[in-house]
PDB file of N, CA and C in Angstrom:
ATOM      1  N   MET A   1     162.567  96.156  93.450  1.00  0.00           N
ATOM      2  CA  MET A   1     161.683  94.869  93.342  1.00  0.00           C
ATOM      3  C   MET A   1     161.901  93.950  94.431  1.00  0.00           C
ATOM      4  N   ARG A   2     163.044  93.393  94.497  1.00  0.00           N
ATOM      5  CA  ARG A   2     163.402  92.079  95.460  1.00  0.00           C
ATOM      6  C   ARG A   2     163.123  92.815  96.993  1.00  0.00           C
ATOM      7  N   ALA A   3     163.192  94.029  97.482  1.00  0.00           N
ATOM      8  CA  ALA A   3     162.882  94.685  98.700  1.00  0.00           C
ATOM      9  C   ALA A   3     161.476  94.543  98.880  1.00  0.00           C
ATOM     10  N   ALA A   4     160.732  95.219  97.835  1.00  0.00           N
ATOM     11  CA  ALA A   4     159.504  95.242  97.672  1.00  0.00           C
ATOM     12  C   ALA A   4     158.591  93.742  98.409  1.00  0.00           C
ATOM     13  N   ASN A   5     159.185  92.971  97.181  1.00  0.00           N
ATOM     14  CA  ASN A   5     158.526  91.719  97.475  1.00  0.00           C
ATOM     15  C   ASN A   5     158.768  90.844  98.694  1.00  0.00           C
ATOM     16  N   THR A   6     159.957  90.967  99.217  1.00  0.00           N
ATOM     17  CA  THR A   6     160.710  90.336 100.369  1.00  0.00           C
ATOM     18  C   THR A   6     159.641  90.927 101.623  1.00  0.00           C
ATOM     19  N   ASN A   7     159.631  92.308 101.465  1.00  0.00           N
ATOM     20  CA  ASN A   7     158.833  92.980 102.580  1.00  0.00           C
ATOM     21  C   ASN A   7     157.372  93.340 102.384  1.00  0.00           C
ATOM     22  N   ASP A   8     156.878  92.496 101.630  1.00  0.00           N
ATOM     23  CA  ASP A   8     155.495  92.687 101.189  1.00  0.00           C
ATOM     24  C   ASP A   8     154.931  94.381 101.220  1.00  0.00           C
ATOM     25  N   ARG A   9     155.646  94.947 100.327  1.00  0.00           N
ATOM     26  CA  ARG A   9     155.494  96.325 100.336  1.00  0.00           C
ATOM     27  C   ARG A   9     155.149  96.911  98.499  1.00  0.00           C
ATOM     28  N   ALA A  10     154.002  97.805  98.582  1.00  0.00           N
ATOM     29  CA  ALA A  10     153.813  97.910  97.179  1.00  0.00           C
ATOM     30  C   ALA A  10     155.029  98.805  96.450  1.00  0.00           C
ATOM     31  N   ILE A  11     154.820  98.769  95.070  1.00  0.00           N
ATOM     32  CA  ILE A  11     156.015  99.733  94.597  1.00  0.00           C
ATOM     33  C   ILE A  11     155.250  99.995  93.102  1.00  0.00           C
ATOM     34  N   CYS A  12     155.444 100.996  92.535  1.00  0.00           N
ATOM     35  CA  CYS A  12     155.037 101.643  91.344  1.00  0.00           C
ATOM     36  C   CYS A  12     155.993 102.500  90.613  1.00  0.00           C
ATOM     37  N   VAL A  13     156.096 102.848  89.501  1.00  0.00           N
ATOM     38  CA  VAL A  13     156.559 103.571  88.395  1.00  0.00           C
ATOM     39  C   VAL A  13     155.640 104.872  88.013  1.00  0.00           C
ATOM     40  N   MET A  14     156.121 106.023  88.640  1.00  0.00           N
ATOM     41  CA  MET A  14     155.349 106.979  88.081  1.00  0.00           C
ATOM     42  C   MET A  14     156.486 107.961  87.080  1.00  0.00           C
ATOM     43  N   TYR A  15     156.067 108.975  86.053  1.00  0.00           N
ATOM     44  CA  TYR A  15     156.767 109.689  85.553  1.00  0.00           C
ATOM     45  C   TYR A  15     155.978 111.168  85.689  1.00  0.00           C
ATOM     46  N   ASP A  16     156.904 112.180  85.757  1.00  0.00           N
ATOM     47  CA  ASP A  16     156.549 113.583  85.914  1.00  0.00           C
ATOM     48  C   ASP A  16     156.552 114.125  84.456  1.00  0.00           C
ATOM     49  N   LEU A  17     155.549 114.297  83.767  1.00  0.00           N
ATOM     50  CA  LEU A  17     155.501 114.874  82.590  1.00  0.00           C
ATOM     51  C   LEU A  17     155.274 116.068  82.388  1.00  0.00           C
ATOM     52  N   SER A  18     155.493 117.086  83.406  1.00  0.00           N
ATOM     53  CA  SER A  18     155.455 118.481  83.324  1.00  0.00           C
ATOM     54  C   SER A  18     156.608 119.061  82.630  1.00  0.00           C
ATOM     55  N   GLY A  19     156.381 119.910  81.971  1.00  0.00           N
ATOM     56  CA  GLY A  19     157.527 120.599  81.016  1.00  0.00           C
ATOM     57  C   GLY A  19     157.736 119.580  79.867  1.00  0.00           C
ATOM     58  N   MET A  20     157.286 118.320  79.445  1.00  0.00           N
ATOM     59  CA  MET A  20     157.395 117.563  78.365  1.00  0.00           C
ATOM     60  C   MET A  20     156.785 118.584  77.145  1.00  0.00           C
ATOM     61  N   ARG A  21     157.579 118.493  76.273  1.00  0.00           N
ATOM     62  CA  ARG A  21     157.383 118.883  74.938  1.00  0.00           C
ATOM     63  C   ARG A  21     156.852 118.212  73.740  1.00  0.00           C
ATOM     64  N   PRO A  22     155.969 118.467  73.023  1.00  0.00           N
ATOM     65  CA  PRO A  22     155.463 117.703  71.579  1.00  0.00           C
ATOM     66  C   PRO A  22     156.765 117.068  71.194  1.00  0.00           C
ATOM     67  N   GLY A  23     156.489 115.669  70.670  1.00  0.00           N
ATOM     68  CA  GLY A  23     157.770 115.015  70.275  1.00  0.00           C
ATOM     69  C   GLY A  23     158.468 114.380  71.278  1.00  0.00           C
ATOM     70  N   ASP A  24     158.449 114.293  72.609  1.00  0.00           N
ATOM     71  CA  ASP A  24     159.137 113.821  73.592  1.00  0.00           C
ATOM     72  C   ASP A  24     158.372 112.574  73.889  1.00  0.00           C
ATOM     73  N   GLU A  25     157.383 112.146  73.681  1.00  0.00           N
ATOM     74  CA  GLU A  25     156.811 111.051  73.852  1.00  0.00           C
ATOM     75  C   GLU A  25     157.320 109.645  73.716  1.00  0.00           C
ATOM     76  N   GLN A  26     157.978 109.619  72.744  1.00  0.00           N
ATOM     77  CA  GLN A  26     158.831 108.319  72.311  1.00  0.00           C
ATOM     78  C   GLN A  26     159.777 107.981  73.348  1.00  0.00           C
ATOM     79  N   VAL A  27     160.554 109.149  73.835  1.00  0.00           N
ATOM     80  CA  VAL A  27     161.447 108.907  75.075  1.00  0.00           C
ATOM     81  C   VAL A  27     160.912 108.229  76.198  1.00  0.00           C
ATOM     82  N   ILE A  28     159.872 108.588  76.863  1.00  0.00           N
ATOM     83  CA  ILE A  28     159.047 108.094  77.726  1.00  0.00           C
ATOM     84  C   ILE A  28     158.680 106.753  77.506  1.00  0.00           C
ATOM     85  N   LEU A  29     157.968 106.364  76.289  1.00  0.00           N
ATOM     86  CA  LEU A  29     157.707 105.158  75.773  1.00  0.00           C
ATOM     87  C   LEU A  29     158.829 104.116  75.913  1.00  0.00           C
ATOM     88  N   ASP A  30     160.167 104.809  75.419  1.00  0.00           N
ATOM     89  CA  ASP A  30     161.010 103.824  75.271  1.00  0.00           C
ATOM     90  C   ASP A  30     161.727 103.357  76.597  1.00  0.00           C
ATOM     91  N   ASP A  31     161.805 104.408  77.455  1.00  0.00           N
ATOM     92  CA  ASP A  31     162.142 104.152  78.861  1.00  0.00           C
ATOM     93  C   ASP A  31     160.934 103.412  79.694  1.00  0.00           C
ATOM     94  N   ILE A  32     159.771 103.487  79.540  1.00  0.00           N
ATOM     95  CA  ILE A  32     158.666 102.433  80.245  1.00  0.00           C
ATOM     96  C   ILE A  32     159.171 100.899  79.671  1.00  0.00           C
ATOM     97  N   ASP A  33     159.412 100.778  78.401  1.00  0.00           N
ATOM     98  CA  ASP A  33     159.714  99.591  77.757  1.00  0.00           C
ATOM     99  C   ASP A  33     160.824  99.016  78.711  1.00  0.00           C
ATOM    100  N   GLU A  34     161.849  99.627  78.448  1.00  0.00           N
ATOM    101  CA  GLU A  34     163.189  99.399  79.155  1.00  0.00           C
ATOM    102  C   GLU A  34     163.198  98.937  80.576  1.00  0.00           C
ATOM    103  N   VAL A  35     162.559  99.738  81.375  1.00  0.00           N
ATOM    104  CA  VAL A  35     162.123  99.426  83.153  1.00  0.00           C
ATOM    105  C   VAL A  35     161.462  98.050  83.149  1.00  0.00           C
ATOM    106  N   ALA A  36     160.083  98.174  82.542  1.00  0.00           N
ATOM    107  CA  ALA A  36     159.353  97.072  82.462  1.00  0.00           C
ATOM    108  C   ALA A  36     160.072  95.629  82.123  1.00  0.00           C
ATOM    109  N   ALA A  37     161.107  95.799  81.454  1.00  0.00           N
ATOM    110  CA  ALA A  37     161.903  94.661  80.485  1.00  0.00           C
ATOM    111  C   ALA A  37     162.948  94.030  81.715  1.00  0.00           C
ATOM    112  N   GLN A  38     163.640  95.148  82.043  1.00  0.00           N
ATOM    113  CA  GLN A  38     164.791  95.023  83.154  1.00  0.00           C
ATOM    114  C   GLN A  38     164.175  94.639  84.485  1.00  0.00           C
ATOM    115  N   HIS A  39     162.968  94.663  84.782  1.00  0.00           N
ATOM    116  CA  HIS A  39     162.629  94.402  86.112  1.00  0.00           C
ATOM    117  C   HIS A  39     161.658  93.298  86.098  1.00  0.00           C
ATOM    118  N   ALA A  40     161.236  92.899  84.974  1.00  0.00           N
ATOM    119  CA  ALA A  40     160.130  91.837  84.898  1.00  0.00           C
ATOM    120  C   ALA A  40     158.734  92.609  85.446  1.00  0.00           C
ATOM    121  N   LEU A  41     158.485  93.870  85.106  1.00  0.00           N
ATOM    122  CA  LEU A  41     157.322  94.195  85.876  1.00  0.00           C
ATOM    123  C   LEU A  41     156.040  93.693  85.179  1.00  0.00           C
ATOM    124  N   LYS A  42     155.951  92.825  84.164  1.00  0.00           N
ATOM    125  CA  LYS A  42     154.482  92.652  83.663  1.00  0.00           C
ATOM    126  C   LYS A  42     154.670  90.880  84.160  1.00  0.00           C
ATOM    127  N   ASN A  43     155.564  90.286  84.850  1.00  0.00           N
ATOM    128  CA  ASN A  43     155.329  88.967  85.383  1.00  0.00           C
ATOM    129  C   ASN A  43     154.904  89.154  86.929  1.00  0.00           C
ATOM    130  N   ARG A  44     153.286  88.849  86.804  1.00  0.00           N
ATOM    131  CA  ARG A  44     152.916  89.268  88.086  1.00  0.00           C
ATOM    132  C   ARG A  44     153.208  88.163  89.303  1.00  0.00           C
ATOM    133  N   LYS A  45     153.635  86.998  88.807  1.00  0.00           N
ATOM    134  CA  LYS A  45     153.926  85.673  89.476  1.00  0.00           C
ATOM    135  C   LYS A  45     155.435  86.075  90.501  1.00  0.00           C
ATOM    136  N   LEU A  46     156.353  86.729  89.497  1.00  0.00           N
ATOM    137  CA  LEU A  46     157.508  86.927  89.880  1.00  0.00           C
ATOM    138  C   LEU A  46     157.688  88.652  90.867  1.00  0.00           C
ATOM    139  N   ASN A  47     156.900  89.435  90.183  1.00  0.00           N
ATOM    140  CA  ASN A  47     156.730  90.678  90.987  1.00  0.00           C
ATOM    141  C   ASN A  47     155.269  90.935  91.767  1.00  0.00           C
ATOM    142  N   PRO A  48     154.854  90.287  92.755  1.00  0.00           N
ATOM    143  CA  PRO A  48     153.441  90.475  93.209  1.00  0.00           C
ATOM    144  C   PRO A  48     153.140  91.796  93.743  1.00  0.00           C
ATOM    145  N   SER A  49     154.263  92.822  93.947  1.00  0.00           N
ATOM    146  CA  SER A  49     154.076  93.779  94.770  1.00  0.00           C
ATOM    147  C   SER A  49     154.078  95.050  93.738  1.00  0.00           C
ATOM    148  N   TYR A  50     154.350  94.907  92.668  1.00  0.00           N
ATOM    149  CA  TYR A  50     154.347  95.830  91.637  1.00  0.00           C
ATOM    150  C   TYR A  50     152.707  96.307  91.324  1.00  0.00           C
ATOM    151  N   LEU A  51     152.377  97.760  91.507  1.00  0.00           N
ATOM    152  CA  LEU A  51     150.990  98.027  91.296  1.00  0.00           C
ATOM    153  C   LEU A  51     150.570  98.431  89.840  1.00  0.00           C
ATOM    154  N   TYR A  52     149.539  97.790  89.501  1.00  0.00           N
ATOM    155  CA  TYR A  52     148.922  98.375  87.886  1.00  0.00           C
ATOM    156  C   TYR A  52     147.924  99.261  88.128  1.00  0.00           C
ATOM    157  N   HIS A  53     147.907  99.925  87.317  1.00  0.00           N
ATOM    158  CA  HIS A  53     146.465 101.057  87.414  1.00  0.00           C
ATOM    159  C   HIS A  53     145.476 100.035  86.872  1.00  0.00           C
ATOM    160  N   ASN A  54     144.394 100.249  87.270  1.00  0.00           N
ATOM    161  CA  ASN A  54     142.838  99.688  86.861  1.00  0.00           C
ATOM    162  C   ASN A  54     143.276  98.212  86.988  1.00  0.00           C
ATOM    163  N   GLY A  55     144.116  97.511  88.115  1.00  0.00           N
ATOM    164  CA  GLY A  55     143.956  96.065  88.016  1.00  0.00           C
ATOM    165  C   GLY A  55     145.281  95.687  88.310  1.00  0.00           C
TER     166      GLY A  55
END
């Protein structure tokens, strides 16, 4: 995040869900929450380089 913001580069997080089995959804959702909190992804002022789907 720091490098993306410093160098005016876009960054995003994508997950490869191929091979995911029913019941694995919570693992992904928990990881999304952890990554978002750890890197303050929802703070657009702090991380303007982070890309958001549909805005």
